[in-house]
Amino acid sequence: MFNEKDFEQLRFLEGRWVGTAPDGTKFYDQYDFESATTIRSRRATDDSFSAFSDGSTVTLSDGEILSTWGEFIWAATAVSADAVKFEPRNAPSSFSWLHKSDSEIEVVQEWTDEKGQEQRYSITLGRME
């Protein structure tokens, strides 16, 4: 069971970030606390953050912290001042946000491939502000 104090620990996500996708292209994410229980994540089309192509939400409701992107839902299993881990409810992988410093976040995705082998991929996001 999580509460607003736990959710508040996710403030390290707030702001604008740049990362490099697996195909080598840059992407731009913005995380905003819309309320004490909702974070909105949006993918900008470029570094001006004037238009957005995609988005998701992280919400605290009834003691659960849920991340929703389209039809996919993940539930937080661990929250601290430096990390949050999400396990899939109906999604293909788990993921974590790790607060490395005020200017850097690591996003880690973990899944099991079609051969049953555990896979892991990591992307570093750098703060733009």
Protein backbone atom coordinates (compact mmCIF):
# COMPACT_ATOMS: atom_id res chain seq x y z
CA MET A 1 0.00 0.00 0.00
CA PHE A 2 1.39 3.36 -1.07
CA ASN A 3 0.37 6.84 0.05
CA GLU A 4 0.92 10.47 -1.02
CA LYS A 5 4.23 10.62 0.85
CA ASP A 6 5.47 7.66 -1.22
CA PHE A 7 4.17 9.25 -4.43
CA GLU A 8 5.92 12.53 -3.58
CA GLN A 9 9.26 10.68 -3.73
CA LEU A 10 8.81 10.51 -7.52
CA ARG A 11 9.49 14.27 -7.79
CA PHE A 12 12.94 13.39 -9.18
CA LEU A 13 11.14 12.70 -12.49
CA GLU A 14 9.74 16.22 -12.82
CA GLY A 15 11.12 18.24 -15.70
CA ARG A 16 12.33 17.89 -19.27
CA TRP A 17 14.69 15.12 -20.33
CA VAL A 18 16.59 13.96 -23.42
CA GLY A 19 17.57 10.38 -24.18
CA THR A 20 18.83 8.27 -27.06
CA ALA A 21 16.58 5.46 -28.33
CA PRO A 22 17.97 2.02 -29.28
CA ASP A 23 17.98 3.09 -32.95
CA GLY A 24 20.24 6.05 -32.12
CA THR A 25 17.63 8.80 -32.44
CA LYS A 26 17.16 11.37 -29.71
CA PHE A 27 13.85 11.61 -27.86
CA TYR A 28 12.49 14.20 -25.46
CA ASP A 29 10.29 13.47 -22.43
CA GLN A 30 8.53 15.81 -20.05
CA TYR A 31 7.19 14.77 -16.63
CA ASP A 32 4.74 17.04 -14.80
CA PHE A 33 2.95 16.62 -11.48
CA GLU A 34 -0.62 17.54 -12.39
CA SER A 35 -1.74 16.94 -8.80
CA ALA A 36 -0.56 15.28 -5.59
CA THR A 37 -1.60 11.93 -7.10
CA THR A 38 -0.99 12.25 -10.87
CA ILE A 39 2.12 12.57 -13.01
CA ARG A 40 1.74 13.19 -16.72
CA SER A 41 4.53 12.00 -19.02
CA ARG A 42 4.66 13.33 -22.57
CA ARG A 43 7.01 12.60 -25.48
CA ALA A 44 7.91 15.79 -27.36
CA THR A 45 8.49 15.74 -31.10
CA ASP A 46 11.68 17.82 -30.70
CA ASP A 47 13.74 19.75 -28.16
CA SER A 48 11.40 22.78 -28.29
CA PHE A 49 8.70 20.80 -26.42
CA SER A 50 6.09 22.68 -28.48
CA ALA A 51 4.32 19.55 -29.75
CA PHE A 52 3.84 16.09 -28.28
CA SER A 53 3.45 12.70 -29.96
CA ASP A 54 2.75 10.32 -27.09
CA GLY A 55 2.07 10.20 -23.39
CA SER A 56 1.29 8.23 -20.28
CA THR A 57 0.22 8.78 -16.69
CA VAL A 58 1.35 7.62 -13.27
CA THR A 59 -1.37 7.78 -10.63
CA LEU A 60 -1.85 7.01 -6.97
CA SER A 61 -5.27 5.50 -6.28
CA ASP A 62 -6.54 3.24 -3.50
CA GLY A 63 -3.00 2.58 -2.24
CA GLU A 64 -1.60 1.64 -5.64
CA ILE A 65 0.75 3.54 -7.91
CA LEU A 66 -0.14 2.65 -11.49
CA SER A 67 1.56 3.61 -14.75
CA THR A 68 -0.71 3.60 -17.79
CA TRP A 69 0.38 3.92 -21.42
CA GLY A 70 -2.33 3.21 -23.97
CA GLU A 71 -3.79 -0.19 -23.12
CA PHE A 72 -0.81 -1.20 -20.96
CA ILE A 73 -0.79 -0.97 -17.15
CA TRP A 74 2.06 -1.47 -14.67
CA ALA A 75 1.86 -1.46 -10.86
CA ALA A 76 4.63 -0.10 -8.64
CA THR A 77 6.18 -2.71 -6.37
CA ALA A 78 8.86 -0.53 -4.75
CA VAL A 79 9.24 3.23 -4.26
CA SER A 80 12.07 5.21 -2.71
CA ALA A 81 13.56 8.69 -3.06
CA ASP A 82 15.88 7.34 -5.77
CA ALA A 83 13.87 4.69 -7.60
CA VAL A 84 10.53 3.25 -8.53
CA LYS A 85 9.98 -0.24 -9.95
CA PHE A 86 6.91 -1.24 -11.94
CA GLU A 87 5.74 -4.77 -12.72
CA PRO A 88 3.33 -5.46 -15.58
CA ARG A 89 -0.38 -5.91 -15.02
CA ASN A 90 -1.02 -6.38 -18.73
CA ALA A 91 2.22 -5.24 -20.38
CA PRO A 92 5.16 -7.04 -22.01
CA SER A 93 7.87 -5.95 -19.57
CA SER A 94 8.72 -4.42 -16.22
CA PHE A 95 10.51 -1.09 -15.90
CA SER A 96 12.22 1.13 -13.36
CA TRP A 97 13.20 4.76 -13.09
CA LEU A 98 16.45 5.23 -11.17
CA HIS A 99 17.48 8.68 -9.92
CA LYS A 100 21.22 8.85 -10.55
CA SER A 101 21.62 12.60 -9.89
CA ASP A 102 19.63 15.80 -10.31
CA SER A 103 20.72 15.79 -13.96
CA GLU A 104 20.44 12.08 -14.80
CA ILE A 105 17.82 9.31 -14.66
CA GLU A 106 18.30 5.73 -15.80
CA VAL A 107 15.32 3.90 -17.29
CA VAL A 108 15.64 0.12 -17.11
CA GLN A 109 13.35 -2.25 -18.98
CA GLU A 110 13.32 -6.00 -18.22
CA TRP A 111 11.49 -8.82 -20.02
CA THR A 112 11.70 -12.47 -20.98
CA ASP A 113 12.24 -13.14 -24.69
CA GLU A 114 10.58 -15.81 -26.82
CA LYS A 115 13.33 -18.29 -25.86
CA GLY A 116 12.69 -17.77 -22.15
CA GLN A 117 15.88 -15.75 -21.65
CA GLU A 118 15.76 -12.74 -19.34
CA GLN A 119 16.57 -9.48 -21.14
CA ARG A 120 17.50 -6.05 -19.82
CA TYR A 121 17.88 -2.69 -21.54
CA SER A 122 18.92 0.63 -20.03
CA ILE A 123 18.60 4.21 -21.30
CA THR A 124 20.03 7.28 -19.59
CA LEU A 125 18.02 10.49 -19.61
CA GLY A 126 19.75 13.84 -19.17
CA ARG A 127 17.96 16.86 -17.69
CA MET A 128 17.35 19.68 -20.17
CA GLU A 129 16.43 22.44 -17.71
